[in-house]
Amino acid sequence: MNRIQALRKAMRINQEDLAKVLNVNRSAISKYESGTIPLTDDSIKTLCDYFGVTSDYLLGRTNDSALHANLKSLKIPILDRIPTGIPLEAIDDVIDYEEIPAEWTVGDKEYFALKVRGDSMAPKYLNGDTVVFLKSPDYESGEDCAVVINGEDASFKKVRKNADGIILHPLNAAYEPKFYSNKDIEDLSIIVVGIAKEIRRKT
């Protein structure tokens, strides 16, 4: 995603609001974000000051965003389903937003959050909890992960690897773990899409 668009969405600013910052019309912002027209030097300086990032980060020359006070925190979407294969900004079933420290996203890391439904991951994760995930297909055996099976069926389980496949472990002993062979993983297109990083629980 274009850095201007990513920063704008992170701060939950629409194109019209950003157009006012740059004193241009909304269509100009759309063209900046699509790369149709280049940014002027003055626009680069204004955007860097506004978003609190370096020009190298804004223009995609580095992943070090050098965030300062303007972006101490970012809002990430709380989703009703697990995304797979599409950018987070394209997910349309956002039910709310959760704040995370801006420094977590250094290196172009992406995060999303999910509402826990049911008790299969109790007592660690309770029904109604919000769990923040690092979007990643890579994980260590034993991590709690968001998994998509067959492109549709979503699951949140502890994932253990072995030479023959993977085991999806519920944390609640009332539920049975499920083993998927390496062939199952390929045939059913089983993909880890996120690693649980933090629980947000309302008391």
N, C-alpha and C. Protein backbone atom coordinates (compact mmCIF):
# COMPACT_ATOMS: atom_id res chain seq x y z
N MET A 1 0.85 -1.19 0.00
CA MET A 1 0.00 0.00 0.00
C MET A 1 0.89 1.24 0.00
N ASN A 2 0.49 2.25 -0.73
CA ASN A 2 1.18 3.54 -0.76
C ASN A 2 1.33 4.09 0.65
N ARG A 3 2.52 4.64 0.96
CA ARG A 3 2.79 5.11 2.32
C ARG A 3 1.85 6.24 2.74
N ILE A 4 1.51 7.12 1.83
CA ILE A 4 0.60 8.23 2.17
C ILE A 4 -0.75 7.65 2.58
N GLN A 5 -1.23 6.71 1.79
CA GLN A 5 -2.52 6.08 2.09
C GLN A 5 -2.46 5.33 3.42
N ALA A 6 -1.36 4.61 3.65
CA ALA A 6 -1.21 3.83 4.89
C ALA A 6 -1.22 4.75 6.11
N LEU A 7 -0.49 5.86 6.03
CA LEU A 7 -0.44 6.80 7.15
C LEU A 7 -1.79 7.47 7.36
N ARG A 8 -2.42 7.83 6.26
CA ARG A 8 -3.74 8.47 6.35
C ARG A 8 -4.74 7.54 7.02
N LYS A 9 -4.76 6.28 6.61
CA LYS A 9 -5.69 5.32 7.19
C LYS A 9 -5.36 5.04 8.65
N ALA A 10 -4.06 4.99 8.97
CA ALA A 10 -3.66 4.75 10.36
C ALA A 10 -4.16 5.84 11.28
N MET A 11 -4.21 7.07 10.77
CA MET A 11 -4.70 8.18 11.58
C MET A 11 -6.19 8.43 11.39
N ARG A 12 -6.82 7.55 10.59
CA ARG A 12 -8.27 7.62 10.32
C ARG A 12 -8.67 8.99 9.77
N ILE A 13 -7.92 9.42 8.76
CA ILE A 13 -8.18 10.69 8.08
C ILE A 13 -8.68 10.38 6.68
N ASN A 14 -9.73 11.04 6.23
CA ASN A 14 -10.18 10.81 4.87
C ASN A 14 -9.42 11.70 3.89
N GLN A 15 -9.62 11.44 2.61
CA GLN A 15 -8.88 12.17 1.59
C GLN A 15 -9.20 13.66 1.59
N GLU A 16 -10.43 13.99 1.89
CA GLU A 16 -10.81 15.41 1.92
C GLU A 16 -10.08 16.16 3.03
N ASP A 17 -9.95 15.53 4.19
CA ASP A 17 -9.22 16.18 5.29
C ASP A 17 -7.75 16.38 4.95
N LEU A 18 -7.15 15.37 4.32
CA LEU A 18 -5.74 15.49 3.95
C LEU A 18 -5.56 16.53 2.85
N ALA A 19 -6.53 16.64 1.97
CA ALA A 19 -6.48 17.65 0.91
C ALA A 19 -6.42 19.06 1.51
N LYS A 20 -7.15 19.27 2.61
CA LYS A 20 -7.12 20.58 3.27
C LYS A 20 -5.74 20.88 3.86
N VAL A 21 -5.08 19.84 4.36
CA VAL A 21 -3.73 20.01 4.92
C VAL A 21 -2.76 20.50 3.84
N LEU A 22 -2.91 19.93 2.64
CA LEU A 22 -2.00 20.27 1.54
C LEU A 22 -2.53 21.42 0.67
N ASN A 23 -3.76 21.87 0.97
CA ASN A 23 -4.38 22.94 0.18
C ASN A 23 -4.52 22.54 -1.29
N VAL A 24 -5.00 21.31 -1.48
CA VAL A 24 -5.27 20.80 -2.83
C VAL A 24 -6.68 20.20 -2.83
N ASN A 25 -7.16 19.76 -3.98
CA ASN A 25 -8.48 19.11 -4.00
C ASN A 25 -8.34 17.62 -3.72
N ARG A 26 -9.45 16.97 -3.43
CA ARG A 26 -9.42 15.56 -3.05
C ARG A 26 -8.86 14.67 -4.15
N SER A 27 -9.12 15.02 -5.39
CA SER A 27 -8.63 14.20 -6.51
C SER A 27 -7.11 14.17 -6.56
N ALA A 28 -6.48 15.25 -6.10
CA ALA A 28 -5.01 15.29 -6.07
C ALA A 28 -4.48 14.26 -5.07
N ILE A 29 -5.16 14.13 -3.92
CA ILE A 29 -4.75 13.14 -2.92
C ILE A 29 -4.87 11.74 -3.50
N SER A 30 -5.97 11.50 -4.20
CA SER A 30 -6.18 10.19 -4.83
C SER A 30 -5.06 9.88 -5.81
N LYS A 31 -4.62 10.90 -6.55
CA LYS A 31 -3.54 10.71 -7.54
C LYS A 31 -2.19 10.52 -6.85
N TYR A 32 -1.97 11.21 -5.73
CA TYR A 32 -0.74 11.00 -4.96
C TYR A 32 -0.69 9.55 -4.46
N GLU A 33 -1.82 9.07 -3.96
CA GLU A 33 -1.86 7.73 -3.38
C GLU A 33 -1.73 6.64 -4.43
N SER A 34 -2.21 6.90 -5.62
CA SER A 34 -2.09 5.91 -6.70
C SER A 34 -0.78 6.03 -7.46
N GLY A 35 -0.02 7.11 -7.18
CA GLY A 35 1.25 7.32 -7.87
C GLY A 35 1.08 7.91 -9.26
N THR A 36 -0.12 8.40 -9.57
CA THR A 36 -0.38 8.98 -10.89
C THR A 36 0.41 10.26 -11.10
N ILE A 37 0.52 11.07 -10.04
CA ILE A 37 1.32 12.28 -10.11
C ILE A 37 2.29 12.31 -8.93
N PRO A 38 3.48 12.91 -9.13
CA PRO A 38 4.47 12.94 -8.05
C PRO A 38 4.15 14.05 -7.04
N LEU A 39 4.65 13.87 -5.83
CA LEU A 39 4.53 14.90 -4.81
C LEU A 39 5.51 16.04 -5.08
N THR A 40 5.07 17.24 -4.78
CA THR A 40 5.98 18.38 -4.86
C THR A 40 6.86 18.40 -3.61
N ASP A 41 7.96 19.12 -3.67
CA ASP A 41 8.84 19.23 -2.50
C ASP A 41 8.11 19.81 -1.30
N ASP A 42 7.28 20.82 -1.54
CA ASP A 42 6.53 21.43 -0.45
C ASP A 42 5.53 20.45 0.16
N SER A 43 4.90 19.64 -0.70
CA SER A 43 3.94 18.65 -0.20
C SER A 43 4.63 17.58 0.63
N ILE A 44 5.81 17.18 0.20
CA ILE A 44 6.58 16.18 0.96
C ILE A 44 6.89 16.70 2.35
N LYS A 45 7.37 17.95 2.40
CA LYS A 45 7.72 18.54 3.70
C LYS A 45 6.48 18.64 4.60
N THR A 46 5.36 19.09 4.03
CA THR A 46 4.14 19.24 4.81
C THR A 46 3.65 17.91 5.33
N LEU A 47 3.68 16.88 4.48
CA LEU A 47 3.22 15.56 4.90
C LEU A 47 4.13 14.95 5.96
N CYS A 48 5.42 15.14 5.82
CA CYS A 48 6.36 14.62 6.81
C CYS A 48 6.12 15.26 8.17
N ASP A 49 5.90 16.56 8.16
CA ASP A 49 5.63 17.27 9.42
C ASP A 49 4.29 16.83 10.01
N TYR A 50 3.32 16.64 9.15
CA TYR A 50 1.98 16.30 9.61
C TYR A 50 1.92 14.88 10.18
N PHE A 51 2.52 13.92 9.46
CA PHE A 51 2.47 12.53 9.90
C PHE A 51 3.57 12.19 10.90
N GLY A 52 4.60 13.01 10.96
CA GLY A 52 5.69 12.73 11.89
C GLY A 52 6.63 11.65 11.41
N VAL A 53 6.94 11.66 10.11
CA VAL A 53 7.84 10.66 9.54
C VAL A 53 8.90 11.36 8.70
N THR A 54 9.95 10.61 8.35
CA THR A 54 11.00 11.16 7.49
C THR A 54 10.54 11.12 6.03
N SER A 55 11.20 11.92 5.20
CA SER A 55 10.88 11.91 3.78
C SER A 55 11.25 10.57 3.15
N ASP A 56 12.34 9.95 3.63
CA ASP A 56 12.72 8.64 3.10
C ASP A 56 11.64 7.60 3.36
N TYR A 57 11.03 7.67 4.55
CA TYR A 57 9.96 6.72 4.85
C TYR A 57 8.73 7.02 3.99
N LEU A 58 8.37 8.29 3.90
CA LEU A 58 7.19 8.68 3.12
C LEU A 58 7.30 8.22 1.67
N LEU A 59 8.51 8.29 1.12
CA LEU A 59 8.71 7.96 -0.29
C LEU A 59 9.09 6.50 -0.50
N GLY A 60 9.09 5.71 0.58
CA GLY A 60 9.35 4.28 0.45
C GLY A 60 10.80 3.90 0.32
N ARG A 61 11.71 4.79 0.71
CA ARG A 61 13.14 4.51 0.59
C ARG A 61 13.68 3.75 1.79
N THR A 62 12.93 3.74 2.88
CA THR A 62 13.34 3.04 4.10
C THR A 62 12.10 2.59 4.85
N ASN A 63 12.28 1.58 5.71
CA ASN A 63 11.19 1.12 6.56
C ASN A 63 11.24 1.75 7.94
N ASP A 64 12.27 2.55 8.19
CA ASP A 64 12.40 3.21 9.49
C ASP A 64 11.57 4.48 9.45
N SER A 65 10.44 4.45 10.12
CA SER A 65 9.50 5.57 10.01
C SER A 65 9.85 6.76 10.87
N ALA A 66 10.80 6.61 11.82
CA ALA A 66 11.21 7.72 12.70
C ALA A 66 10.00 8.44 13.27
N LEU A 67 9.08 7.67 13.81
CA LEU A 67 7.84 8.24 14.32
C LEU A 67 8.11 9.15 15.52
N HIS A 68 7.37 10.25 15.60
CA HIS A 68 7.50 11.10 16.78
C HIS A 68 6.13 11.35 17.38
N ALA A 69 5.95 12.45 18.07
CA ALA A 69 4.76 12.65 18.88
C ALA A 69 3.45 12.54 18.11
N ASN A 70 3.45 12.89 16.81
CA ASN A 70 2.20 12.84 16.05
C ASN A 70 1.64 11.42 15.95
N LEU A 71 2.51 10.43 16.06
CA LEU A 71 2.06 9.05 15.88
C LEU A 71 2.56 8.17 17.02
N LYS A 72 2.20 8.51 18.23
CA LYS A 72 2.56 7.67 19.35
C LYS A 72 1.76 6.38 19.34
N SER A 73 0.57 6.44 18.76
CA SER A 73 -0.26 5.24 18.65
C SER A 73 -0.99 5.23 17.32
N LEU A 74 -1.38 4.03 16.91
CA LEU A 74 -2.12 3.84 15.68
C LEU A 74 -3.38 3.04 15.99
N LYS A 75 -4.39 3.21 15.15
CA LYS A 75 -5.61 2.44 15.29
C LYS A 75 -5.60 1.30 14.28
N ILE A 76 -5.89 0.11 14.78
CA ILE A 76 -5.98 -1.06 13.89
C ILE A 76 -7.42 -1.58 13.92
N PRO A 77 -7.85 -2.23 12.84
CA PRO A 77 -9.25 -2.69 12.79
C PRO A 77 -9.49 -3.91 13.66
N ILE A 78 -10.63 -3.95 14.32
CA ILE A 78 -11.12 -5.17 14.96
C ILE A 78 -12.07 -5.83 13.98
N LEU A 79 -11.74 -7.05 13.58
CA LEU A 79 -12.48 -7.72 12.52
C LEU A 79 -13.39 -8.81 13.06
N ASP A 80 -14.39 -9.12 12.25
CA ASP A 80 -15.32 -10.21 12.59
C ASP A 80 -14.92 -11.51 11.92
N ARG A 81 -13.94 -11.45 11.06
CA ARG A 81 -13.44 -12.66 10.41
C ARG A 81 -11.95 -12.51 10.17
N ILE A 82 -11.28 -13.62 9.91
CA ILE A 82 -9.83 -13.61 9.72
C ILE A 82 -9.51 -13.31 8.27
N PRO A 83 -8.68 -12.30 8.00
CA PRO A 83 -8.35 -11.98 6.61
C PRO A 83 -7.29 -12.93 6.06
N THR A 84 -7.39 -13.26 4.78
CA THR A 84 -6.37 -14.06 4.14
C THR A 84 -6.25 -13.67 2.68
N GLY A 85 -5.03 -13.41 2.25
CA GLY A 85 -4.78 -13.17 0.84
C GLY A 85 -5.15 -11.80 0.34
N ILE A 86 -5.71 -10.94 1.19
CA ILE A 86 -6.06 -9.60 0.75
C ILE A 86 -5.54 -8.59 1.76
N PRO A 87 -5.25 -7.37 1.31
CA PRO A 87 -4.71 -6.37 2.23
C PRO A 87 -5.71 -6.05 3.33
N LEU A 88 -5.18 -5.69 4.50
CA LEU A 88 -6.05 -5.36 5.62
C LEU A 88 -7.00 -4.22 5.29
N GLU A 89 -6.50 -3.24 4.49
CA GLU A 89 -7.34 -2.08 4.21
C GLU A 89 -8.53 -2.43 3.32
N ALA A 90 -8.51 -3.63 2.72
CA ALA A 90 -9.61 -4.05 1.86
C ALA A 90 -10.70 -4.80 2.63
N ILE A 91 -10.43 -5.14 3.90
CA ILE A 91 -11.44 -5.82 4.70
C ILE A 91 -12.56 -4.85 5.04
N ASP A 92 -13.81 -5.26 4.78
CA ASP A 92 -14.91 -4.32 4.96
C ASP A 92 -15.78 -4.60 6.18
N ASP A 93 -15.48 -5.66 6.93
CA ASP A 93 -16.33 -5.96 8.08
C ASP A 93 -15.65 -5.55 9.39
N VAL A 94 -15.17 -4.32 9.44
CA VAL A 94 -14.55 -3.78 10.64
C VAL A 94 -15.65 -3.46 11.65
N ILE A 95 -15.53 -3.99 12.87
CA ILE A 95 -16.57 -3.76 13.88
C ILE A 95 -16.15 -2.68 14.89
N ASP A 96 -14.87 -2.38 14.94
CA ASP A 96 -14.38 -1.34 15.84
C ASP A 96 -12.89 -1.15 15.58
N TYR A 97 -12.25 -0.34 16.40
CA TYR A 97 -10.80 -0.11 16.27
C TYR A 97 -10.15 -0.24 17.64
N GLU A 98 -8.87 -0.62 17.61
CA GLU A 98 -8.07 -0.77 18.83
C GLU A 98 -6.76 -0.03 18.61
N GLU A 99 -6.25 0.60 19.64
CA GLU A 99 -4.99 1.34 19.52
C GLU A 99 -3.81 0.44 19.89
N ILE A 100 -2.72 0.60 19.13
CA ILE A 100 -1.46 -0.07 19.45
C ILE A 100 -0.34 0.97 19.38
N PRO A 101 0.79 0.74 20.06
CA PRO A 101 1.92 1.67 19.96
C PRO A 101 2.42 1.76 18.53
N ALA A 102 2.67 2.96 18.05
CA ALA A 102 3.12 3.16 16.67
C ALA A 102 4.44 2.44 16.40
N GLU A 103 5.27 2.32 17.44
CA GLU A 103 6.58 1.71 17.24
C GLU A 103 6.48 0.23 16.86
N TRP A 104 5.34 -0.40 17.16
CA TRP A 104 5.17 -1.80 16.77
C TRP A 104 5.22 -1.99 15.25
N THR A 105 4.87 -0.96 14.49
CA THR A 105 4.75 -1.10 13.04
C THR A 105 6.04 -0.80 12.29
N VAL A 106 7.11 -0.45 13.02
CA VAL A 106 8.39 -0.20 12.35
C VAL A 106 8.80 -1.45 11.57
N GLY A 107 9.27 -1.25 10.35
CA GLY A 107 9.61 -2.36 9.48
C GLY A 107 8.42 -2.86 8.68
N ASP A 108 7.41 -1.98 8.55
CA ASP A 108 6.20 -2.30 7.77
C ASP A 108 5.41 -3.48 8.35
N LYS A 109 5.50 -3.69 9.67
CA LYS A 109 4.69 -4.74 10.29
C LYS A 109 3.23 -4.30 10.32
N GLU A 110 2.34 -5.26 10.10
CA GLU A 110 0.91 -4.98 10.10
C GLU A 110 0.23 -5.76 11.21
N TYR A 111 -0.81 -5.16 11.76
CA TYR A 111 -1.56 -5.79 12.85
C TYR A 111 -3.05 -5.72 12.55
N PHE A 112 -3.77 -6.67 13.10
CA PHE A 112 -5.22 -6.62 13.09
C PHE A 112 -5.70 -7.21 14.40
N ALA A 113 -6.95 -7.04 14.71
CA ALA A 113 -7.51 -7.59 15.94
C ALA A 113 -8.77 -8.37 15.64
N LEU A 114 -9.04 -9.36 16.47
CA LEU A 114 -10.24 -10.18 16.33
C LEU A 114 -10.96 -10.28 17.66
N LYS A 115 -12.27 -10.36 17.61
CA LYS A 115 -13.07 -10.66 18.78
C LYS A 115 -13.09 -12.18 18.97
N VAL A 116 -12.85 -12.62 20.20
CA VAL A 116 -12.92 -14.04 20.50
C VAL A 116 -14.38 -14.45 20.58
N ARG A 117 -14.72 -15.51 19.85
CA ARG A 117 -16.08 -16.05 19.87
C ARG A 117 -16.03 -17.46 20.45
N GLY A 118 -16.72 -17.71 21.52
CA GLY A 118 -16.74 -19.04 22.12
C GLY A 118 -15.67 -19.20 23.20
N ASP A 119 -15.51 -20.46 23.66
CA ASP A 119 -14.62 -20.72 24.80
C ASP A 119 -13.54 -21.75 24.51
N SER A 120 -13.26 -22.04 23.23
CA SER A 120 -12.29 -23.08 22.91
C SER A 120 -10.86 -22.69 23.31
N MET A 121 -10.61 -21.39 23.51
CA MET A 121 -9.27 -20.96 23.91
C MET A 121 -9.24 -20.47 25.35
N ALA A 122 -10.31 -20.77 26.12
CA ALA A 122 -10.33 -20.45 27.54
C ALA A 122 -9.40 -21.44 28.28
N PRO A 123 -8.84 -21.04 29.41
CA PRO A 123 -9.13 -19.80 30.15
C PRO A 123 -8.24 -18.61 29.78
N LYS A 124 -7.28 -18.84 28.88
CA LYS A 124 -6.37 -17.74 28.52
C LYS A 124 -7.10 -16.65 27.77
N TYR A 125 -7.94 -17.05 26.82
CA TYR A 125 -8.72 -16.10 26.02
C TYR A 125 -10.19 -16.36 26.29
N LEU A 126 -10.90 -15.33 26.68
CA LEU A 126 -12.31 -15.48 27.03
C LEU A 126 -13.22 -14.95 25.94
N ASN A 127 -14.43 -15.47 25.89
CA ASN A 127 -15.43 -15.00 24.94
C ASN A 127 -15.61 -13.48 25.09
N GLY A 128 -15.49 -12.75 23.99
CA GLY A 128 -15.61 -11.30 24.02
C GLY A 128 -14.29 -10.56 24.11
N ASP A 129 -13.20 -11.28 24.41
CA ASP A 129 -11.88 -10.62 24.42
C ASP A 129 -11.54 -10.12 23.02
N THR A 130 -10.72 -9.07 22.97
CA THR A 130 -10.13 -8.63 21.71
C THR A 130 -8.68 -9.07 21.71
N VAL A 131 -8.26 -9.76 20.67
CA VAL A 131 -6.88 -10.23 20.56
C VAL A 131 -6.19 -9.51 19.41
N VAL A 132 -5.03 -8.93 19.70
CA VAL A 132 -4.23 -8.24 18.69
C VAL A 132 -3.27 -9.24 18.06
N PHE A 133 -3.26 -9.30 16.73
CA PHE A 133 -2.41 -10.23 15.99
C PHE A 133 -1.41 -9.49 15.13
N LEU A 134 -0.18 -10.00 15.08
CA LEU A 134 0.79 -9.58 14.07
C LEU A 134 0.48 -10.37 12.81
N LYS A 135 0.23 -9.68 11.71
CA LYS A 135 -0.08 -10.37 10.46
C LYS A 135 1.19 -11.01 9.93
N SER A 136 1.21 -12.34 9.88
CA SER A 136 2.41 -13.05 9.45
C SER A 136 2.07 -14.50 9.14
N PRO A 137 2.66 -15.06 8.05
CA PRO A 137 2.47 -16.48 7.77
C PRO A 137 3.50 -17.34 8.51
N ASP A 138 4.52 -16.70 9.10
CA ASP A 138 5.59 -17.41 9.78
C ASP A 138 5.33 -17.43 11.29
N TYR A 139 5.59 -18.56 11.92
CA TYR A 139 5.33 -18.69 13.34
C TYR A 139 6.22 -19.78 13.93
N GLU A 140 6.37 -19.75 15.24
CA GLU A 140 7.10 -20.78 15.95
C GLU A 140 6.11 -21.80 16.47
N SER A 141 6.49 -23.06 16.49
CA SER A 141 5.63 -24.10 17.02
C SER A 141 5.24 -23.77 18.46
N GLY A 142 3.95 -23.87 18.74
CA GLY A 142 3.45 -23.58 20.08
C GLY A 142 2.87 -22.19 20.24
N GLU A 143 2.91 -21.38 19.18
CA GLU A 143 2.33 -20.04 19.27
C GLU A 143 0.82 -20.10 19.00
N ASP A 144 0.10 -19.13 19.58
CA ASP A 144 -1.34 -19.00 19.36
C ASP A 144 -1.55 -18.21 18.07
N CYS A 145 -2.23 -18.82 17.11
CA CYS A 145 -2.29 -18.25 15.77
C CYS A 145 -3.72 -18.20 15.21
N ALA A 146 -3.93 -17.24 14.34
CA ALA A 146 -5.13 -17.18 13.51
C ALA A 146 -4.85 -18.00 12.26
N VAL A 147 -5.72 -18.96 11.97
CA VAL A 147 -5.50 -19.90 10.87
C VAL A 147 -6.71 -19.91 9.96
N VAL A 148 -6.46 -19.97 8.66
CA VAL A 148 -7.55 -20.09 7.69
C VAL A 148 -7.42 -21.44 6.98
N ILE A 149 -8.53 -22.16 6.93
CA ILE A 149 -8.57 -23.48 6.31
C ILE A 149 -9.50 -23.44 5.11
N ASN A 150 -8.97 -23.85 3.96
CA ASN A 150 -9.78 -23.93 2.74
C ASN A 150 -10.30 -22.57 2.29
N GLY A 151 -9.57 -21.51 2.66
CA GLY A 151 -9.93 -20.18 2.22
C GLY A 151 -11.13 -19.58 2.90
N GLU A 152 -11.80 -20.34 3.77
CA GLU A 152 -13.04 -19.85 4.38
C GLU A 152 -13.11 -20.08 5.89
N ASP A 153 -12.85 -21.31 6.31
CA ASP A 153 -13.02 -21.67 7.72
C ASP A 153 -11.90 -21.06 8.55
N ALA A 154 -12.27 -20.22 9.51
CA ALA A 154 -11.29 -19.54 10.34
C ALA A 154 -11.17 -20.24 11.68
N SER A 155 -9.96 -20.24 12.23
CA SER A 155 -9.74 -20.88 13.51
C SER A 155 -8.67 -20.11 14.28
N PHE A 156 -8.82 -20.07 15.60
CA PHE A 156 -7.83 -19.46 16.48
C PHE A 156 -7.40 -20.53 17.47
N LYS A 157 -6.17 -21.03 17.31
CA LYS A 157 -5.70 -22.15 18.11
C LYS A 157 -4.19 -22.04 18.36
N LYS A 158 -3.72 -22.80 19.33
CA LYS A 158 -2.28 -22.98 19.50
C LYS A 158 -1.84 -23.95 18.41
N VAL A 159 -0.82 -23.58 17.64
CA VAL A 159 -0.40 -24.40 16.50
C VAL A 159 0.95 -25.06 16.81
N ARG A 160 0.96 -26.37 16.74
CA ARG A 160 2.20 -27.12 16.95
C ARG A 160 2.61 -27.80 15.65
N LYS A 161 3.89 -27.69 15.32
CA LYS A 161 4.42 -28.31 14.11
C LYS A 161 5.10 -29.64 14.48
N ASN A 162 5.02 -30.59 13.54
CA ASN A 162 5.89 -31.76 13.61
C ASN A 162 6.21 -32.18 12.19
N ALA A 163 7.00 -33.21 12.05
CA ALA A 163 7.47 -33.61 10.72
C ALA A 163 6.32 -34.04 9.81
N ASP A 164 5.22 -34.50 10.40
CA ASP A 164 4.12 -35.03 9.59
C ASP A 164 3.03 -34.02 9.29
N GLY A 165 3.04 -32.87 9.96
CA GLY A 165 2.01 -31.87 9.73
C GLY A 165 1.90 -30.89 10.89
N ILE A 166 0.69 -30.46 11.17
CA ILE A 166 0.47 -29.53 12.27
C ILE A 166 -0.72 -30.00 13.12
N ILE A 167 -0.72 -29.59 14.38
CA ILE A 167 -1.83 -29.87 15.27
C ILE A 167 -2.40 -28.54 15.76
N LEU A 168 -3.70 -28.36 15.62
CA LEU A 168 -4.37 -27.18 16.14
C LEU A 168 -4.94 -27.54 17.52
N HIS A 169 -4.37 -26.93 18.55
CA HIS A 169 -4.72 -27.25 19.93
C HIS A 169 -5.64 -26.19 20.53
N PRO A 170 -6.87 -26.53 20.89
CA PRO A 170 -7.65 -25.63 21.74
C PRO A 170 -7.00 -25.60 23.11
N LEU A 171 -7.11 -24.49 23.83
CA LEU A 171 -6.57 -24.43 25.18
C LEU A 171 -7.55 -24.99 26.19
N ASN A 172 -8.81 -25.04 25.82
CA ASN A 172 -9.86 -25.59 26.67
C ASN A 172 -9.87 -27.11 26.52
N ALA A 173 -9.64 -27.82 27.63
CA ALA A 173 -9.53 -29.28 27.59
C ALA A 173 -10.83 -29.96 27.15
N ALA A 174 -11.92 -29.22 27.12
CA ALA A 174 -13.20 -29.81 26.69
C ALA A 174 -13.24 -30.02 25.18
N TYR A 175 -12.30 -29.44 24.47
CA TYR A 175 -12.25 -29.55 23.01
C TYR A 175 -11.04 -30.40 22.59
N GLU A 176 -11.23 -31.18 21.54
CA GLU A 176 -10.17 -32.05 21.06
C GLU A 176 -9.25 -31.32 20.08
N PRO A 177 -7.93 -31.58 20.16
CA PRO A 177 -7.03 -31.03 19.13
C PRO A 177 -7.28 -31.71 17.79
N LYS A 178 -6.90 -31.03 16.71
CA LYS A 178 -7.11 -31.61 15.38
C LYS A 178 -5.79 -31.62 14.62
N PHE A 179 -5.46 -32.78 14.07
CA PHE A 179 -4.22 -32.95 13.32
C PHE A 179 -4.49 -32.79 11.82
N TYR A 180 -3.59 -32.09 11.16
CA TYR A 180 -3.62 -31.97 9.70
C TYR A 180 -2.28 -32.42 9.15
N SER A 181 -2.32 -33.39 8.25
CA SER A 181 -1.08 -33.88 7.64
C SER A 181 -0.53 -32.84 6.67
N ASN A 182 0.70 -33.07 6.24
CA ASN A 182 1.29 -32.17 5.25
C ASN A 182 0.47 -32.15 3.97
N LYS A 183 -0.12 -33.29 3.64
CA LYS A 183 -0.99 -33.35 2.45
C LYS A 183 -2.25 -32.53 2.69
N ASP A 184 -2.83 -32.64 3.90
CA ASP A 184 -4.00 -31.83 4.24
C ASP A 184 -3.70 -30.34 4.12
N ILE A 185 -2.53 -29.96 4.61
CA ILE A 185 -2.13 -28.55 4.59
C ILE A 185 -2.12 -28.03 3.16
N GLU A 186 -1.63 -28.87 2.25
CA GLU A 186 -1.57 -28.47 0.84
C GLU A 186 -2.96 -28.52 0.20
N ASP A 187 -3.67 -29.62 0.41
CA ASP A 187 -4.98 -29.80 -0.24
C ASP A 187 -6.02 -28.81 0.27
N LEU A 188 -5.99 -28.54 1.57
CA LEU A 188 -6.98 -27.65 2.16
C LEU A 188 -6.51 -26.20 2.25
N SER A 189 -5.31 -25.96 1.76
CA SER A 189 -4.74 -24.61 1.78
C SER A 189 -4.83 -24.02 3.19
N ILE A 190 -4.19 -24.71 4.15
CA ILE A 190 -4.20 -24.26 5.54
C ILE A 190 -3.09 -23.22 5.72
N ILE A 191 -3.48 -22.01 6.11
CA ILE A 191 -2.54 -20.89 6.17
C ILE A 191 -2.65 -20.19 7.51
N VAL A 192 -1.51 -20.01 8.15
CA VAL A 192 -1.45 -19.15 9.34
C VAL A 192 -1.37 -17.70 8.85
N VAL A 193 -2.26 -16.85 9.35
CA VAL A 193 -2.27 -15.46 8.88
C VAL A 193 -1.89 -14.46 9.97
N GLY A 194 -1.82 -14.92 11.22
CA GLY A 194 -1.47 -13.98 12.28
C GLY A 194 -1.06 -14.68 13.56
N ILE A 195 -0.21 -14.01 14.34
CA ILE A 195 0.26 -14.53 15.62
C ILE A 195 -0.29 -13.64 16.73
N ALA A 196 -0.93 -14.24 17.73
CA ALA A 196 -1.50 -13.47 18.83
C ALA A 196 -0.39 -12.78 19.62
N LYS A 197 -0.55 -11.48 19.83
CA LYS A 197 0.46 -10.70 20.53
C LYS A 197 -0.04 -10.10 21.83
N GLU A 198 -1.33 -9.82 21.92
CA GLU A 198 -1.81 -9.16 23.13
C GLU A 198 -3.31 -9.36 23.28
N ILE A 199 -3.76 -9.52 24.53
CA ILE A 199 -5.18 -9.63 24.83
C ILE A 199 -5.67 -8.31 25.38
N ARG A 200 -6.78 -7.83 24.84
CA ARG A 200 -7.44 -6.63 25.37
C ARG A 200 -8.78 -7.07 25.97
N ARG A 201 -8.89 -6.97 27.29
CA ARG A 201 -10.09 -7.46 27.97
C ARG A 201 -10.77 -6.32 28.73
N LYS A 202 -12.06 -6.19 28.49
CA LYS A 202 -12.83 -5.17 29.22
C LYS A 202 -13.36 -5.76 30.52
N THR A 203 -13.20 -5.02 31.59
CA THR A 203 -13.67 -5.51 32.88
C THR A 203 -14.94 -4.77 33.30
